[in-house]
Amino acid sequence: MKIDLKKYKRIFAFGCSFTAYKWPTWADLIAVETKAEYYNYGVAGIGNLGIMSRIIESNARYKFNEDDLVTVMWSTYSREDRWINGGWYAMGNVWNSGYPDNWVRDYCDPVGYLIRDHAIISLTNKMLKESKAGSIILRSVPFNFSEGIEAINPEIETTLSLLYQRDYDELPMSLYDFMGRDWRSDTVNYIRDDGKEHSDPHPKPIIYYNYLESCVGLTFSKSTNDYANDATNKLVQCKTVHDIRQNFDQPVRDLLSKNFRPLI
């Protein structure tokens, strides 16, 4: 993917916690390279319905144009996104969330989530490709990813694959595949605020950097490479989540444009 990152004046990023997190993500590295106005609308735990909503709303608000680069990393499939009391209620995998067990049992179906999300991804990708703005479209997981639930009926999976395979063939390798299909292949370990040890599977900055170079084909300057390495070195030295906040809250926020405004 040959993209002149530095020609863009505004960068928009959408996704889940792989896009906006406690430490720099793939989206932040692109922002570091471009030094453009940066609008990161990632939300931890959000699914593809919420991501699509934020992309469409941002386009209506900011009018994407040829000076913009719109970047997105689609999330995993089995997620419920709801706007409640002034904010997104985004709990991640619905089978491991705060929703009542009987509600999940009666109203959540993995096939239904696949049908919904592949349609969302296909339609939104088409809109982005046809817009005047540049775009980088990534996926966190492959087409047939399962979040610890029963396997999808092979016949249904084959049918959906035939319907949407072309959409996925046009995208780079998923982050999950790049990491050897094991989120915990290189975890970040720290003590949480409640005093418990936590093994965090979110990738280190240098892993995001290598993914963007190796799988997406982006070319970065030495200063961005140094940034990714320095951020990773700082991260692995953190013992607690407080240390992580001390090291990264302000630097990550400094990447955001001074004109940044949250979406409603």
Protein backbone atom coordinates (compact mmCIF):
# COMPACT_ATOMS: atom_id res chain seq x y z
CA MET A 1 0.00 0.00 0.00
CA LYS A 2 1.83 3.09 -1.25
CA ILE A 3 0.51 6.13 0.59
CA ASP A 4 2.16 9.52 0.98
CA LEU A 5 1.18 10.02 4.61
CA LYS A 6 2.60 13.51 4.83
CA LYS A 7 0.33 14.99 2.18
CA TYR A 8 -2.70 14.87 4.47
CA LYS A 9 -3.77 17.76 6.69
CA ARG A 10 -6.20 15.82 8.89
CA ILE A 11 -6.08 12.25 10.19
CA PHE A 12 -9.19 10.46 11.45
CA ALA A 13 -8.94 7.14 13.30
CA PHE A 14 -11.75 4.75 14.23
CA GLY A 15 -11.80 1.44 16.04
CA CYS A 16 -11.81 -0.22 19.45
CA SER A 17 -9.04 -0.34 22.07
CA PHE A 18 -6.55 -1.40 19.41
CA THR A 19 -7.02 2.14 18.06
CA ALA A 20 -7.19 4.20 21.28
CA TYR A 21 -5.61 2.81 24.44
CA LYS A 22 -3.40 3.40 27.46
CA TRP A 23 -0.30 3.57 25.26
CA PRO A 24 0.36 4.52 21.60
CA THR A 25 -1.43 2.43 18.97
CA TRP A 26 -1.10 1.96 15.21
CA ALA A 27 -3.26 5.06 14.70
CA ASP A 28 -1.06 7.17 16.96
CA LEU A 29 2.03 6.11 14.98
CA ILE A 30 0.44 7.33 11.75
CA ALA A 31 -0.34 10.62 13.48
CA VAL A 32 3.25 10.93 14.66
CA GLU A 33 4.47 10.43 11.11
CA THR A 34 2.11 12.93 9.49
CA LYS A 35 2.10 15.65 12.17
CA ALA A 36 -1.36 16.53 10.86
CA GLU A 37 -4.46 17.46 12.86
CA TYR A 38 -5.46 14.23 14.55
CA TYR A 39 -8.91 13.01 15.52
CA ASN A 40 -8.89 9.63 17.25
CA TYR A 41 -12.42 8.33 17.80
CA GLY A 42 -11.50 4.86 19.00
CA VAL A 43 -13.48 3.52 21.96
CA ALA A 44 -12.36 0.60 24.12
CA GLY A 45 -14.82 -2.29 23.87
CA ILE A 46 -16.77 -0.88 20.94
CA GLY A 47 -17.92 -3.10 18.09
CA ASN A 48 -18.37 -2.59 14.38
CA LEU A 49 -21.84 -1.06 14.60
CA GLY A 50 -20.48 1.68 16.87
CA ILE A 51 -17.42 2.16 14.68
CA MET A 52 -19.60 2.60 11.60
CA SER A 53 -21.81 5.10 13.45
CA ARG A 54 -18.81 7.22 14.41
CA ILE A 55 -17.40 7.16 10.86
CA ILE A 56 -20.71 8.27 9.35
CA GLU A 57 -21.19 10.96 11.99
CA SER A 58 -17.64 12.26 11.52
CA ASN A 59 -18.15 12.51 7.77
CA ALA A 60 -21.36 14.48 8.33
CA ARG A 61 -19.59 16.75 10.81
CA TYR A 62 -16.21 17.25 9.16
CA LYS A 63 -16.95 16.62 5.46
CA PHE A 64 -14.13 14.23 4.52
CA ASN A 65 -12.15 15.58 1.57
CA GLU A 66 -8.93 15.06 -0.40
CA ASP A 67 -6.86 16.57 2.43
CA ASP A 68 -8.04 13.89 4.86
CA LEU A 69 -6.83 10.39 5.64
CA VAL A 70 -9.51 8.21 7.23
CA THR A 71 -8.14 5.16 9.03
CA VAL A 72 -10.10 2.34 10.61
CA MET A 73 -9.36 -0.98 12.26
CA TRP A 74 -12.52 -3.06 12.41
CA SER A 75 -13.15 -4.83 15.70
CA THR A 76 -14.24 -8.34 16.61
CA TYR A 77 -17.78 -9.41 15.75
CA SER A 78 -19.65 -10.49 18.88
CA ARG A 79 -20.20 -7.05 20.40
CA GLU A 80 -23.21 -4.97 21.41
CA ASP A 81 -22.94 -1.19 20.96
CA ARG A 82 -25.48 1.07 22.65
CA TRP A 83 -25.59 4.80 23.31
CA ILE A 84 -26.95 5.17 26.86
CA ASN A 85 -27.05 8.23 29.12
CA GLY A 86 -24.61 10.31 27.12
CA GLY A 87 -22.01 7.70 26.23
CA TRP A 88 -21.29 4.47 24.40
CA TYR A 89 -22.01 1.37 26.46
CA ALA A 90 -19.28 -0.77 24.93
CA MET A 91 -18.50 -3.94 26.86
CA GLY A 92 -16.57 -5.96 24.31
CA ASN A 93 -17.36 -9.62 23.67
CA VAL A 94 -21.03 -10.08 24.56
CA TRP A 95 -20.34 -13.58 25.92
CA ASN A 96 -17.94 -12.06 28.45
CA SER A 97 -19.69 -8.81 29.33
CA GLY A 98 -22.01 -7.17 31.81
CA TYR A 99 -25.19 -8.21 30.00
CA PRO A 100 -27.54 -10.57 31.89
CA ASP A 101 -26.93 -14.24 31.11
CA ASN A 102 -30.57 -14.89 30.19
CA TRP A 103 -30.60 -11.95 27.75
CA VAL A 104 -27.40 -13.18 26.08
CA ARG A 105 -28.82 -16.70 25.86
CA ASP A 106 -32.13 -15.60 24.35
CA TYR A 107 -31.11 -12.74 22.06
CA CYS A 108 -27.47 -13.20 21.01
CA ASP A 109 -26.53 -15.40 18.07
CA PRO A 110 -22.99 -15.64 16.63
CA VAL A 111 -24.36 -16.12 13.12
CA GLY A 112 -26.47 -13.00 13.50
CA TYR A 113 -23.43 -11.00 14.55
CA LEU A 114 -21.48 -12.23 11.53
CA ILE A 115 -24.33 -11.34 9.16
CA ARG A 116 -24.65 -7.88 10.73
CA ASP A 117 -20.95 -7.03 10.93
CA HIS A 118 -19.87 -8.24 7.52
CA ALA A 119 -22.64 -6.15 5.95
CA ILE A 120 -21.56 -3.14 8.04
CA ILE A 121 -17.91 -3.56 7.09
CA SER A 122 -18.65 -4.09 3.39
CA LEU A 123 -20.92 -1.06 3.10
CA THR A 124 -18.68 1.31 5.10
CA ASN A 125 -15.53 0.24 3.24
CA LYS A 126 -17.30 0.94 -0.05
CA MET A 127 -18.31 4.40 1.16
CA LEU A 128 -14.75 5.21 2.23
CA LYS A 129 -13.22 4.02 -1.03
CA GLU A 130 -15.65 6.14 -3.03
CA SER A 131 -15.08 9.28 -0.95
CA LYS A 132 -12.59 12.00 -1.83
CA ALA A 133 -10.54 11.22 1.25
CA GLY A 134 -7.67 8.77 1.40
CA SER A 135 -8.24 5.70 3.52
CA ILE A 136 -6.41 2.93 5.34
CA ILE A 137 -8.76 0.09 6.21
CA LEU A 138 -7.53 -2.63 8.56
CA ARG A 139 -9.06 -5.53 10.47
CA SER A 140 -8.17 -6.73 13.91
CA VAL A 141 -9.31 -10.30 13.23
CA PRO A 142 -9.86 -12.59 10.21
CA PHE A 143 -13.23 -13.37 8.67
CA ASN A 144 -13.80 -16.59 10.63
CA PHE A 145 -12.65 -15.36 14.06
CA SER A 146 -14.52 -16.78 17.07
CA GLU A 147 -14.40 -15.27 20.58
CA GLY A 148 -14.50 -18.38 22.71
CA ILE A 149 -17.96 -19.46 21.58
CA GLU A 150 -19.11 -22.50 19.69
CA ALA A 151 -17.83 -22.77 16.15
CA ILE A 152 -20.01 -21.35 13.40
CA ASN A 153 -21.81 -23.88 11.21
CA PRO A 154 -19.35 -24.52 8.33
CA GLU A 155 -22.08 -24.20 5.70
CA ILE A 156 -23.10 -20.78 6.99
CA GLU A 157 -19.48 -19.67 7.23
CA THR A 158 -18.87 -20.78 3.62
CA THR A 159 -21.96 -18.89 2.42
CA LEU A 160 -20.88 -15.67 4.14
CA SER A 161 -17.34 -16.14 2.88
CA LEU A 162 -18.55 -16.36 -0.71
CA LEU A 163 -20.65 -13.24 -0.25
CA TYR A 164 -17.94 -11.06 1.27
CA GLN A 165 -14.61 -12.68 0.39
CA ARG A 166 -13.77 -10.02 -2.19
CA ASP A 167 -14.11 -7.32 0.46
CA TYR A 168 -11.64 -9.10 2.72
CA ASP A 169 -9.23 -10.05 -0.06
CA GLU A 170 -8.67 -6.33 -0.63
CA LEU A 171 -7.57 -5.78 2.99
CA PRO A 172 -4.16 -6.41 4.59
CA MET A 173 -3.58 -9.37 6.88
CA SER A 174 -5.40 -9.01 10.18
CA LEU A 175 -3.53 -7.93 13.28
CA TYR A 176 -4.50 -11.23 14.91
CA ASP A 177 -2.91 -13.24 12.09
CA PHE A 178 0.21 -11.05 12.22
CA MET A 179 0.54 -11.91 15.92
CA GLY A 180 0.42 -15.63 15.18
CA ARG A 181 -3.27 -15.93 16.11
CA ASP A 182 -2.40 -15.47 19.77
CA TRP A 183 -3.19 -12.16 21.47
CA ARG A 184 -1.08 -13.26 24.42
CA SER A 185 2.06 -13.97 22.45
CA ASP A 186 3.70 -10.81 23.85
CA THR A 187 1.71 -9.37 26.76
CA VAL A 188 2.32 -6.29 28.91
CA ASN A 189 2.26 -7.18 32.60
CA TYR A 190 1.41 -4.65 35.32
CA ILE A 191 -0.44 -4.17 38.59
CA ARG A 192 -3.94 -2.75 38.25
CA ASP A 193 -5.47 -0.11 40.53
CA ASP A 194 -7.15 -2.88 42.54
CA GLY A 195 -3.75 -4.40 43.28
CA LYS A 196 -4.23 -7.43 41.06
CA GLU A 197 -1.70 -8.53 38.47
CA HIS A 198 -2.82 -8.08 34.87
CA SER A 199 -1.44 -9.61 31.70
CA ASP A 200 -2.57 -7.18 28.99
CA PRO A 201 -2.78 -8.60 25.45
CA HIS A 202 -2.87 -5.24 23.66
CA PRO A 203 0.17 -4.97 21.38
CA LYS A 204 3.19 -2.89 22.27
CA PRO A 205 3.88 0.16 20.06
CA ILE A 206 6.71 -1.56 18.20
CA ILE A 207 4.40 -4.45 17.27
CA TYR A 208 1.94 -1.99 15.77
CA TYR A 209 4.85 -0.35 13.95
CA ASN A 210 6.04 -3.66 12.50
CA TYR A 211 2.49 -4.54 11.47
CA LEU A 212 2.05 -1.27 9.60
CA GLU A 213 5.38 -1.71 7.83
CA SER A 214 5.20 -5.44 7.09
CA CYS A 215 1.51 -6.00 6.36
CA VAL A 216 0.15 -2.60 5.39
CA GLY A 217 3.26 -1.48 3.52
CA LEU A 218 3.57 1.95 5.09
CA THR A 219 6.94 3.68 5.11
CA PHE A 220 7.99 5.64 8.18
CA SER A 221 10.74 8.11 9.00
CA LYS A 222 13.48 7.37 11.51
CA SER A 223 11.82 9.69 14.01
CA THR A 224 8.63 7.59 14.01
CA ASN A 225 10.67 4.41 14.38
CA ASP A 226 12.47 5.99 17.32
CA TYR A 227 9.12 7.00 18.81
CA ALA A 228 7.78 3.43 18.59
CA ASN A 229 10.92 1.97 20.13
CA ASP A 230 11.12 4.57 22.91
CA ALA A 231 7.44 4.11 23.77
CA THR A 232 7.90 0.33 23.92
CA ASN A 233 10.95 0.61 26.16
CA LYS A 234 9.06 2.91 28.52
CA LEU A 235 6.08 0.58 28.54
CA VAL A 236 7.95 -2.58 29.49
CA GLN A 237 9.54 -0.75 32.42
CA CYS A 238 6.15 0.18 33.88
CA LYS A 239 5.23 -1.87 36.94
CA THR A 240 1.73 -0.51 37.57
CA VAL A 241 -1.12 1.00 35.60
CA HIS A 242 -0.30 4.25 37.42
CA ASP A 243 3.18 4.12 35.86
CA ILE A 244 1.58 3.68 32.45
CA ARG A 245 -0.65 6.72 32.99
CA GLN A 246 2.32 8.76 34.14
CA ASN A 247 4.29 7.85 31.04
CA PHE A 248 1.62 7.94 28.36
CA ASP A 249 -1.53 9.89 29.25
CA GLN A 250 -0.12 13.27 28.32
CA PRO A 251 2.11 12.20 25.38
CA VAL A 252 -0.76 10.33 23.73
CA ARG A 253 -3.16 13.21 24.31
CA ASP A 254 -0.58 15.63 22.86
CA LEU A 255 -0.94 13.79 19.57
CA LEU A 256 -4.53 14.98 19.38
CA SER A 257 -5.30 18.16 17.51
CA LYS A 258 -5.92 21.22 19.66
CA ASN A 259 -9.14 21.45 17.66
CA PHE A 260 -10.23 17.99 18.80
CA ARG A 261 -13.91 17.77 19.71
CA PRO A 262 -15.59 14.61 20.98
CA LEU A 263 -18.46 13.24 18.98
CA ILE A 264 -21.86 13.32 20.61
